[in-house]
Amino acid sequence: MSIFHTPMYDNRVRVAVDRAGGPTRVAVMLGVANNTVHSWIHKKNVPNINHARRLADATFFDVRDLRPVR
């Protein structure tokens, strides 16, 4: 069983944000509001491709994990 199938890891945006140091640090790093990062965590999606790429690069995630294709 992969660690990504446990409830704690179902939200990959949350895991990436935690790896990067938390919502406040990610907000500063990306130049967005703190509540924007919390919204991404809640929605399990980083809608802006540039923000998704920067967060993915900083946390060694695949951008598709943070911004799934529909």
N, C-alpha and C. Protein backbone atom coordinates (compact mmCIF):
# COMPACT_ATOMS: atom_id res chain seq x y z
N MET A 1 0.85 -1.19 0.00
CA MET A 1 0.00 0.00 0.00
C MET A 1 0.88 1.24 0.00
N SER A 2 0.61 2.14 -0.91
CA SER A 2 1.36 3.39 -1.02
C SER A 2 0.99 4.33 0.13
N ILE A 3 1.94 5.15 0.55
CA ILE A 3 1.63 6.11 1.61
C ILE A 3 0.61 7.13 1.14
N PHE A 4 0.49 7.33 -0.18
CA PHE A 4 -0.46 8.30 -0.69
C PHE A 4 -1.90 7.80 -0.62
N HIS A 5 -2.11 6.56 -0.21
CA HIS A 5 -3.46 6.04 -0.09
C HIS A 5 -3.96 6.05 1.35
N THR A 6 -3.17 6.61 2.25
CA THR A 6 -3.63 6.74 3.62
C THR A 6 -4.35 8.09 3.75
N PRO A 7 -5.32 8.20 4.66
CA PRO A 7 -6.10 9.45 4.77
C PRO A 7 -5.25 10.70 4.93
N MET A 8 -4.13 10.61 5.64
CA MET A 8 -3.30 11.77 5.87
C MET A 8 -2.75 12.32 4.55
N TYR A 9 -2.52 11.45 3.57
CA TYR A 9 -1.91 11.86 2.32
C TYR A 9 -2.90 12.00 1.17
N ASP A 10 -4.19 11.90 1.43
CA ASP A 10 -5.17 12.05 0.37
C ASP A 10 -5.15 13.46 -0.22
N ASN A 11 -4.73 14.42 0.56
CA ASN A 11 -4.67 15.80 0.09
C ASN A 11 -3.21 16.13 -0.20
N ARG A 12 -2.82 15.96 -1.45
CA ARG A 12 -1.42 16.18 -1.82
C ARG A 12 -1.03 17.64 -1.76
N VAL A 13 -1.99 18.53 -1.94
CA VAL A 13 -1.69 19.95 -1.80
C VAL A 13 -1.28 20.24 -0.35
N ARG A 14 -2.00 19.66 0.59
CA ARG A 14 -1.66 19.85 2.02
C ARG A 14 -0.26 19.31 2.31
N VAL A 15 0.07 18.15 1.77
CA VAL A 15 1.39 17.57 2.00
C VAL A 15 2.48 18.47 1.41
N ALA A 16 2.25 18.98 0.19
CA ALA A 16 3.23 19.86 -0.44
C ALA A 16 3.42 21.14 0.36
N VAL A 17 2.32 21.73 0.81
CA VAL A 17 2.39 22.96 1.60
C VAL A 17 3.14 22.69 2.90
N ASP A 18 2.86 21.56 3.55
CA ASP A 18 3.57 21.22 4.78
C ASP A 18 5.07 21.03 4.51
N ARG A 19 5.40 20.37 3.42
CA ARG A 19 6.82 20.17 3.06
C ARG A 19 7.53 21.50 2.84
N ALA A 20 6.80 22.47 2.31
CA ALA A 20 7.39 23.77 2.01
C ALA A 20 7.47 24.68 3.24
N GLY A 21 6.93 24.24 4.36
CA GLY A 21 7.03 25.02 5.58
C GLY A 21 5.73 25.58 6.11
N GLY A 22 4.62 25.25 5.46
CA GLY A 22 3.32 25.69 5.94
C GLY A 22 2.70 26.76 5.07
N PRO A 23 1.43 27.04 5.30
CA PRO A 23 0.69 28.00 4.47
C PRO A 23 1.30 29.40 4.42
N THR A 24 1.75 29.90 5.52
CA THR A 24 2.30 31.26 5.54
C THR A 24 3.58 31.33 4.70
N ARG A 25 4.44 30.36 4.86
CA ARG A 25 5.69 30.35 4.10
C ARG A 25 5.42 30.21 2.60
N VAL A 26 4.44 29.35 2.24
CA VAL A 26 4.09 29.19 0.82
C VAL A 26 3.49 30.48 0.28
N ALA A 27 2.64 31.12 1.05
CA ALA A 27 2.03 32.38 0.61
C ALA A 27 3.10 33.42 0.32
N VAL A 28 4.07 33.55 1.18
CA VAL A 28 5.16 34.50 0.97
C VAL A 28 6.00 34.10 -0.24
N MET A 29 6.32 32.82 -0.35
CA MET A 29 7.14 32.32 -1.44
C MET A 29 6.49 32.59 -2.80
N LEU A 30 5.16 32.47 -2.87
CA LEU A 30 4.45 32.61 -4.14
C LEU A 30 3.82 33.98 -4.33
N GLY A 31 3.87 34.82 -3.31
CA GLY A 31 3.31 36.17 -3.41
C GLY A 31 1.79 36.18 -3.46
N VAL A 32 1.18 35.29 -2.70
CA VAL A 32 -0.28 35.23 -2.62
C VAL A 32 -0.70 35.40 -1.17
N ALA A 33 -1.99 35.60 -0.96
CA ALA A 33 -2.51 35.74 0.40
C ALA A 33 -2.53 34.38 1.10
N ASN A 34 -2.38 34.42 2.40
CA ASN A 34 -2.43 33.21 3.20
C ASN A 34 -3.74 32.46 3.00
N ASN A 35 -4.85 33.20 2.92
CA ASN A 35 -6.14 32.52 2.74
C ASN A 35 -6.25 31.86 1.37
N THR A 36 -5.47 32.32 0.40
CA THR A 36 -5.44 31.67 -0.91
C THR A 36 -4.85 30.27 -0.78
N VAL A 37 -3.78 30.14 -0.04
CA VAL A 37 -3.15 28.83 0.17
C VAL A 37 -4.12 27.91 0.92
N HIS A 38 -4.80 28.44 1.92
CA HIS A 38 -5.78 27.62 2.65
C HIS A 38 -6.91 27.17 1.72
N SER A 39 -7.29 28.02 0.80
CA SER A 39 -8.32 27.65 -0.18
C SER A 39 -7.83 26.51 -1.07
N TRP A 40 -6.58 26.56 -1.51
CA TRP A 40 -6.02 25.47 -2.31
C TRP A 40 -6.05 24.16 -1.54
N ILE A 41 -5.68 24.22 -0.26
CA ILE A 41 -5.68 23.02 0.56
C ILE A 41 -7.10 22.46 0.66
N HIS A 42 -8.04 23.33 0.93
CA HIS A 42 -9.44 22.90 1.06
C HIS A 42 -9.96 22.28 -0.24
N LYS A 43 -9.60 22.89 -1.38
CA LYS A 43 -10.08 22.41 -2.69
C LYS A 43 -9.21 21.29 -3.27
N LYS A 44 -8.06 21.02 -2.62
CA LYS A 44 -7.11 20.00 -3.07
C LYS A 44 -6.62 20.28 -4.49
N ASN A 45 -6.41 21.56 -4.79
CA ASN A 45 -6.04 21.96 -6.14
C ASN A 45 -5.38 23.34 -6.11
N VAL A 46 -4.30 23.48 -6.87
CA VAL A 46 -3.66 24.78 -7.06
C VAL A 46 -4.02 25.22 -8.49
N PRO A 47 -5.02 26.08 -8.65
CA PRO A 47 -5.54 26.37 -9.99
C PRO A 47 -4.59 27.11 -10.92
N ASN A 48 -3.72 27.95 -10.40
CA ASN A 48 -2.80 28.70 -11.24
C ASN A 48 -1.60 27.81 -11.58
N ILE A 49 -1.37 27.57 -12.87
CA ILE A 49 -0.31 26.66 -13.29
C ILE A 49 1.07 27.13 -12.84
N ASN A 50 1.31 28.43 -12.85
CA ASN A 50 2.62 28.93 -12.41
C ASN A 50 2.85 28.69 -10.93
N HIS A 51 1.84 28.91 -10.12
CA HIS A 51 1.96 28.65 -8.69
C HIS A 51 2.12 27.15 -8.44
N ALA A 52 1.36 26.34 -9.17
CA ALA A 52 1.46 24.89 -9.02
C ALA A 52 2.87 24.40 -9.37
N ARG A 53 3.43 24.93 -10.45
CA ARG A 53 4.79 24.53 -10.85
C ARG A 53 5.82 24.92 -9.81
N ARG A 54 5.72 26.14 -9.29
CA ARG A 54 6.70 26.59 -8.29
C ARG A 54 6.60 25.78 -7.01
N LEU A 55 5.37 25.49 -6.58
CA LEU A 55 5.20 24.67 -5.38
C LEU A 55 5.69 23.25 -5.63
N ALA A 56 5.39 22.70 -6.79
CA ALA A 56 5.85 21.35 -7.13
C ALA A 56 7.37 21.29 -7.14
N ASP A 57 8.01 22.27 -7.76
CA ASP A 57 9.47 22.30 -7.82
C ASP A 57 10.09 22.40 -6.43
N ALA A 58 9.48 23.19 -5.57
CA ALA A 58 10.02 23.39 -4.22
C ALA A 58 9.84 22.17 -3.32
N THR A 59 8.90 21.30 -3.67
CA THR A 59 8.57 20.18 -2.78
C THR A 59 8.77 18.82 -3.43
N PHE A 60 9.33 18.80 -4.64
CA PHE A 60 9.62 17.56 -5.36
C PHE A 60 8.37 16.75 -5.67
N PHE A 61 7.27 17.46 -5.91
CA PHE A 61 6.03 16.84 -6.36
C PHE A 61 5.94 16.97 -7.86
N ASP A 62 5.16 16.12 -8.47
CA ASP A 62 4.80 16.29 -9.87
C ASP A 62 3.67 17.31 -9.90
N VAL A 63 3.74 18.27 -10.81
CA VAL A 63 2.73 19.32 -10.87
C VAL A 63 1.33 18.73 -11.05
N ARG A 64 1.23 17.57 -11.68
CA ARG A 64 -0.08 16.94 -11.88
C ARG A 64 -0.71 16.47 -10.56
N ASP A 65 0.11 16.29 -9.54
CA ASP A 65 -0.42 15.94 -8.22
C ASP A 65 -1.09 17.13 -7.54
N LEU A 66 -0.66 18.31 -7.90
CA LEU A 66 -1.17 19.53 -7.28
C LEU A 66 -2.24 20.21 -8.11
N ARG A 67 -2.28 19.88 -9.37
CA ARG A 67 -3.24 20.50 -10.29
C ARG A 67 -3.73 19.41 -11.25
N PRO A 68 -4.57 18.52 -10.75
CA PRO A 68 -4.99 17.37 -11.57
C PRO A 68 -5.72 17.81 -12.85
N VAL A 69 -5.47 17.05 -13.89
CA VAL A 69 -6.16 17.26 -15.15
C VAL A 69 -7.53 16.64 -15.05
N ARG A 70 -8.53 17.37 -15.52
CA ARG A 70 -9.90 16.87 -15.41
C ARG A 70 -10.25 15.99 -16.54
